[in-house]
């Protein structure tokens, strides 16, 4: 999932939402198989961005990347595990792992998964996105006018500030 996150965020979402769509940024976070967050900020194209999210399924089904580029994503996915940090940062990380019940075995398993990821594995995630996007859980916080213009995207619209 770390490699998937890296590929989608840096290749697909960045290009489609930031470069082509004009948003200031696009992001994605995979918490686990049941919780994936897709977001953009200062995004002038609400409907088009949601279409990009839906198109992730096709992107994954048709995933094709050179071996060299794929290897770069593997290496980039390992980056967070091998960054020199201060003792304070090491303590904060240790606290986070302890409170989140993340063990050394969990970290080692994750590293092995990253190192052994193949392009075919990335394609298999299309099913995960299909399932998640069918649930259609959408939350948008932003420009009132843009939200009202695209209200058909949402089950309901509420104003956060009264």
C-alpha atoms as a PDB file:
ATOM      1  CA  UNK A   1       0.000   0.000   0.000  1.00  0.00           C
ATOM      2  CA  UNK A   2       2.931   2.354   0.593  1.00  0.00           C
ATOM      3  CA  UNK A   3       4.081   1.877  -3.004  1.00  0.00           C
ATOM      4  CA  UNK A   4       0.524   2.336  -4.273  1.00  0.00           C
ATOM      5  CA  UNK A   5       0.218   5.540  -2.256  1.00  0.00           C
ATOM      6  CA  UNK A   6       3.514   6.799  -3.613  1.00  0.00           C
ATOM      7  CA  UNK A   7       2.571   6.080  -7.247  1.00  0.00           C
ATOM      8  CA  UNK A   8      -0.924   7.526  -7.043  1.00  0.00           C
ATOM      9  CA  UNK A   9       0.089  10.626  -5.154  1.00  0.00           C
ATOM     10  CA  UNK A  10       3.229  11.555  -7.077  1.00  0.00           C
ATOM     11  CA  UNK A  11       2.307  10.382 -10.577  1.00  0.00           C
ATOM     12  CA  UNK A  12      -1.428  10.243 -11.039  1.00  0.00           C
ATOM     13  CA  UNK A  13      -3.013  12.722  -8.620  1.00  0.00           C
ATOM     14  CA  UNK A  14      -0.260  15.319  -8.913  1.00  0.00           C
ATOM     15  CA  UNK A  15      -0.482  15.319 -12.702  1.00  0.00           C
ATOM     16  CA  UNK A  16      -4.258  15.173 -13.007  1.00  0.00           C
ATOM     17  CA  UNK A  17      -5.285  17.497 -10.169  1.00  0.00           C
ATOM     18  CA  UNK A  18      -2.311  19.824  -9.698  1.00  0.00           C
ATOM     19  CA  UNK A  19      -0.828  20.115 -13.175  1.00  0.00           C
ATOM     20  CA  UNK A  20      -3.899  19.663 -15.412  1.00  0.00           C
ATOM     21  CA  UNK A  21      -6.585  20.768 -12.959  1.00  0.00           C
ATOM     22  CA  UNK A  22      -4.887  23.790 -11.437  1.00  0.00           C
ATOM     23  CA  UNK A  23      -5.342  22.921  -7.774  1.00  0.00           C
ATOM     24  CA  UNK A  24      -2.566  23.948  -5.394  1.00  0.00           C
ATOM     25  CA  UNK A  25      -2.162  20.359  -4.331  1.00  0.00           C
ATOM     26  CA  UNK A  26      -3.457  16.830  -4.313  1.00  0.00           C
ATOM     27  CA  UNK A  27      -2.968  14.286  -1.589  1.00  0.00           C
ATOM     28  CA  UNK A  28      -3.778  10.774  -0.612  1.00  0.00           C
ATOM     29  CA  UNK A  29      -3.416   8.798   2.583  1.00  0.00           C
ATOM     30  CA  UNK A  30      -3.947   5.090   2.938  1.00  0.00           C
ATOM     31  CA  UNK A  31      -4.653   4.388   6.565  1.00  0.00           C
ATOM     32  CA  UNK A  32      -5.593   0.745   5.996  1.00  0.00           C
ATOM     33  CA  UNK A  33      -7.640  -1.292   3.528  1.00  0.00           C
ATOM     34  CA  UNK A  34     -10.856   0.208   4.868  1.00  0.00           C
ATOM     35  CA  UNK A  35      -9.784   3.855   5.116  1.00  0.00           C
ATOM     36  CA  UNK A  36      -8.367   5.801   2.210  1.00  0.00           C
ATOM     37  CA  UNK A  37      -8.397   9.577   2.043  1.00  0.00           C
ATOM     38  CA  UNK A  38      -8.195  11.515  -1.227  1.00  0.00           C
ATOM     39  CA  UNK A  39      -7.991  15.275  -1.122  1.00  0.00           C
ATOM     40  CA  UNK A  40      -7.120  18.444  -2.929  1.00  0.00           C
ATOM     41  CA  UNK A  41      -6.773  22.006  -1.760  1.00  0.00           C
ATOM     42  CA  UNK A  42      -7.412  25.369  -3.329  1.00  0.00           C
ATOM     43  CA  UNK A  43      -9.007  23.400  -6.125  1.00  0.00           C
ATOM     44  CA  UNK A  44     -10.938  25.336  -8.790  1.00  0.00           C
ATOM     45  CA  UNK A  45     -12.486  22.225 -10.368  1.00  0.00           C
ATOM     46  CA  UNK A  46     -14.626  20.294  -7.917  1.00  0.00           C
ATOM     47  CA  UNK A  47     -16.467  17.997 -10.339  1.00  0.00           C
ATOM     48  CA  UNK A  48     -13.383  17.308 -12.443  1.00  0.00           C
ATOM     49  CA  UNK A  49     -11.435  16.366  -9.318  1.00  0.00           C
ATOM     50  CA  UNK A  50     -14.116  13.873  -8.294  1.00  0.00           C
ATOM     51  CA  UNK A  51     -13.952  12.461 -11.840  1.00  0.00           C
ATOM     52  CA  UNK A  52     -10.180  12.060 -11.404  1.00  0.00           C
ATOM     53  CA  UNK A  53     -10.800  10.120  -8.187  1.00  0.00           C
ATOM     54  CA  UNK A  54     -13.219   7.809 -10.002  1.00  0.00           C
ATOM     55  CA  UNK A  55     -10.697   7.354 -12.811  1.00  0.00           C
ATOM     56  CA  UNK A  56      -8.176   5.877 -10.366  1.00  0.00           C
ATOM     57  CA  UNK A  57      -9.878   2.546 -11.010  1.00  0.00           C
ATOM     58  CA  UNK A  58      -9.051   2.635 -14.728  1.00  0.00           C
ATOM     59  CA  UNK A  59      -5.557   3.947 -14.029  1.00  0.00           C
ATOM     60  CA  UNK A  60      -4.889   0.966 -11.771  1.00  0.00           C
ATOM     61  CA  UNK A  61      -6.481  -1.599 -14.076  1.00  0.00           C
ATOM     62  CA  UNK A  62      -4.294  -0.354 -16.930  1.00  0.00           C
ATOM     63  CA  UNK A  63      -1.232   0.351 -14.805  1.00  0.00           C
ATOM     64  CA  UNK A  64       1.914   0.229 -16.887  1.00  0.00           C
ATOM     65  CA  UNK A  65       5.217   1.701 -15.804  1.00  0.00           C
ATOM     66  CA  UNK A  66       8.799   1.096 -16.859  1.00  0.00           C
ATOM     67  CA  UNK A  67      10.862  -1.103 -14.569  1.00  0.00           C
ATOM     68  CA  UNK A  68      13.190   1.824 -13.862  1.00  0.00           C
ATOM     69  CA  UNK A  69      10.349   4.176 -12.867  1.00  0.00           C
ATOM     70  CA  UNK A  70       8.709   1.467 -10.760  1.00  0.00           C
ATOM     71  CA  UNK A  71      11.997   0.891  -8.945  1.00  0.00           C
ATOM     72  CA  UNK A  72      12.179   4.633  -8.177  1.00  0.00           C
ATOM     73  CA  UNK A  73       8.799   4.373  -6.471  1.00  0.00           C
ATOM     74  CA  UNK A  74       9.971   1.386  -4.432  1.00  0.00           C
ATOM     75  CA  UNK A  75      13.019   3.345  -3.278  1.00  0.00           C
ATOM     76  CA  UNK A  76      10.940   6.443  -2.574  1.00  0.00           C
ATOM     77  CA  UNK A  77       8.508   4.335  -0.518  1.00  0.00           C
ATOM     78  CA  UNK A  78      11.411   3.214   1.680  1.00  0.00           C
ATOM     79  CA  UNK A  79      12.518   6.766   2.347  1.00  0.00           C
ATOM     80  CA  UNK A  80      10.570   7.314   5.558  1.00  0.00           C
ATOM     81  CA  UNK A  81      12.247   4.294   7.178  1.00  0.00           C
ATOM     82  CA  UNK A  82      15.792   5.469   6.566  1.00  0.00           C
ATOM     83  CA  UNK A  83      15.757   9.207   7.235  1.00  0.00           C
ATOM     84  CA  UNK A  84      18.325  10.409   9.779  1.00  0.00           C
ATOM     85  CA  UNK A  85      16.461  11.879  12.730  1.00  0.00           C
ATOM     86  CA  UNK A  86      17.230  13.592  16.002  1.00  0.00           C
ATOM     87  CA  UNK A  87      16.860  11.844  19.329  1.00  0.00           C
ATOM     88  CA  UNK A  88      13.695  13.857  19.988  1.00  0.00           C
ATOM     89  CA  UNK A  89      12.168  12.682  16.699  1.00  0.00           C
ATOM     90  CA  UNK A  90      13.185   9.102  17.486  1.00  0.00           C
ATOM     91  CA  UNK A  91      11.415   9.391  20.839  1.00  0.00           C
ATOM     92  CA  UNK A  92       8.275  10.801  19.222  1.00  0.00           C
ATOM     93  CA  UNK A  93       8.275   7.993  16.677  1.00  0.00           C
ATOM     94  CA  UNK A  94       8.749   5.397  19.401  1.00  0.00           C
ATOM     95  CA  UNK A  95       5.840   6.902  21.347  1.00  0.00           C
ATOM     96  CA  UNK A  96       3.658   6.831  18.229  1.00  0.00           C
ATOM     97  CA  UNK A  97       4.508   3.175  17.556  1.00  0.00           C
ATOM     98  CA  UNK A  98       3.853   2.255  21.183  1.00  0.00           C
ATOM     99  CA  UNK A  99       0.511   4.064  21.374  1.00  0.00           C
ATOM    100  CA  UNK A 100      -0.530   2.697  17.961  1.00  0.00           C
ATOM    101  CA  UNK A 101       0.580  -0.812  18.958  1.00  0.00           C
ATOM    102  CA  UNK A 102       2.946  -1.019  15.986  1.00  0.00           C
ATOM    103  CA  UNK A 103       5.630  -3.598  16.610  1.00  0.00           C
ATOM    104  CA  UNK A 104       9.066  -4.121  15.111  1.00  0.00           C
ATOM    105  CA  UNK A 105       7.619  -7.165  13.355  1.00  0.00           C
ATOM    106  CA  UNK A 106       4.941  -4.932  11.785  1.00  0.00           C
ATOM    107  CA  UNK A 107       7.607  -2.555  10.491  1.00  0.00           C
ATOM    108  CA  UNK A 108       9.752  -5.383   9.147  1.00  0.00           C
ATOM    109  CA  UNK A 109       6.738  -6.929   7.404  1.00  0.00           C
ATOM    110  CA  UNK A 110       5.909  -3.578   5.837  1.00  0.00           C
ATOM    111  CA  UNK A 111       9.486  -3.168   4.592  1.00  0.00           C
ATOM    112  CA  UNK A 112       9.382  -6.652   3.058  1.00  0.00           C
ATOM    113  CA  UNK A 113       6.071  -5.858   1.371  1.00  0.00           C
ATOM    114  CA  UNK A 114       7.521  -2.681  -0.124  1.00  0.00           C
ATOM    115  CA  UNK A 115      10.629  -4.458  -1.381  1.00  0.00           C
ATOM    116  CA  UNK A 116       8.589  -7.271  -2.921  1.00  0.00           C
ATOM    117  CA  UNK A 117       5.897  -5.155  -4.579  1.00  0.00           C
ATOM    118  CA  UNK A 118       5.396  -5.886  -8.278  1.00  0.00           C
ATOM    119  CA  UNK A 119       3.428  -3.942 -10.910  1.00  0.00           C
ATOM    120  CA  UNK A 120       0.778  -6.697 -10.866  1.00  0.00           C
ATOM    121  CA  UNK A 121       0.197  -5.931  -7.187  1.00  0.00           C
ATOM    122  CA  UNK A 122      -0.605  -2.315  -8.037  1.00  0.00           C
ATOM    123  CA  UNK A 123      -3.209  -3.412 -10.602  1.00  0.00           C
ATOM    124  CA  UNK A 124      -4.995  -5.515  -7.967  1.00  0.00           C
ATOM    125  CA  UNK A 125      -5.797  -2.402  -5.931  1.00  0.00           C
ATOM    126  CA  UNK A 126      -8.341  -1.369  -8.586  1.00  0.00           C
ATOM    127  CA  UNK A 127     -10.860  -3.653  -6.824  1.00  0.00           C
ATOM    128  CA  UNK A 128     -10.265  -1.869  -3.519  1.00  0.00           C
ATOM    129  CA  UNK A 129     -10.976   1.509  -5.085  1.00  0.00           C
ATOM    130  CA  UNK A 130     -14.033   0.189  -6.916  1.00  0.00           C
ATOM    131  CA  UNK A 131     -15.491  -0.995  -3.631  1.00  0.00           C
ATOM    132  CA  UNK A 132     -14.632   2.208  -1.801  1.00  0.00           C
ATOM    133  CA  UNK A 133     -15.922   4.548  -4.464  1.00  0.00           C
ATOM    134  CA  UNK A 134     -19.242   2.657  -4.622  1.00  0.00           C
ATOM    135  CA  UNK A 135     -19.814   3.681  -1.006  1.00  0.00           C
ATOM    136  CA  UNK A 136     -19.577   7.266  -2.253  1.00  0.00           C
ATOM    137  CA  UNK A 137     -18.518   8.828   1.039  1.00  0.00           C
ATOM    138  CA  UNK A 138     -17.757  12.388   0.010  1.00  0.00           C
ATOM    139  CA  UNK A 139     -16.932  15.317   2.253  1.00  0.00           C
ATOM    140  CA  UNK A 140     -16.080  18.671   0.785  1.00  0.00           C
ATOM    141  CA  UNK A 141     -15.115  21.736   2.736  1.00  0.00           C
ATOM    142  CA  UNK A 142     -14.627  24.729   0.543  1.00  0.00           C
ATOM    143  CA  UNK A 143     -16.061  27.472  -1.580  1.00  0.00           C
ATOM    144  CA  UNK A 144     -19.809  27.726  -0.988  1.00  0.00           C
ATOM    145  CA  UNK A 145     -20.534  28.827  -4.545  1.00  0.00           C
ATOM    146  CA  UNK A 146     -18.585  25.903  -6.075  1.00  0.00           C
ATOM    147  CA  UNK A 147     -20.284  23.425  -3.757  1.00  0.00           C
ATOM    148  CA  UNK A 148     -23.752  24.760  -4.581  1.00  0.00           C
ATOM    149  CA  UNK A 149     -22.953  24.640  -8.307  1.00  0.00           C
ATOM    150  CA  UNK A 150     -22.044  20.946  -7.892  1.00  0.00           C
ATOM    151  CA  UNK A 151     -24.655  19.998  -5.276  1.00  0.00           C
ATOM    152  CA  UNK A 152     -25.668  16.963  -7.388  1.00  0.00           C
ATOM    153  CA  UNK A 153     -22.405  15.324  -6.252  1.00  0.00           C
ATOM    154  CA  UNK A 154     -23.595  15.226  -2.640  1.00  0.00           C
ATOM    155  CA  UNK A 155     -26.395  13.604  -0.664  1.00  0.00           C
ATOM    156  CA  UNK A 156     -26.739  16.779   1.382  1.00  0.00           C
ATOM    157  CA  UNK A 157     -25.007  20.114   1.801  1.00  0.00           C
ATOM    158  CA  UNK A 158     -24.551  21.797   5.171  1.00  0.00           C
ATOM    159  CA  UNK A 159     -23.006  25.101   6.059  1.00  0.00           C
ATOM    160  CA  UNK A 160     -20.298  24.695   8.714  1.00  0.00           C
ATOM    161  CA  UNK A 161     -20.483  28.346   9.755  1.00  0.00           C
ATOM    162  CA  UNK A 162     -23.820  29.782  10.865  1.00  0.00           C
END
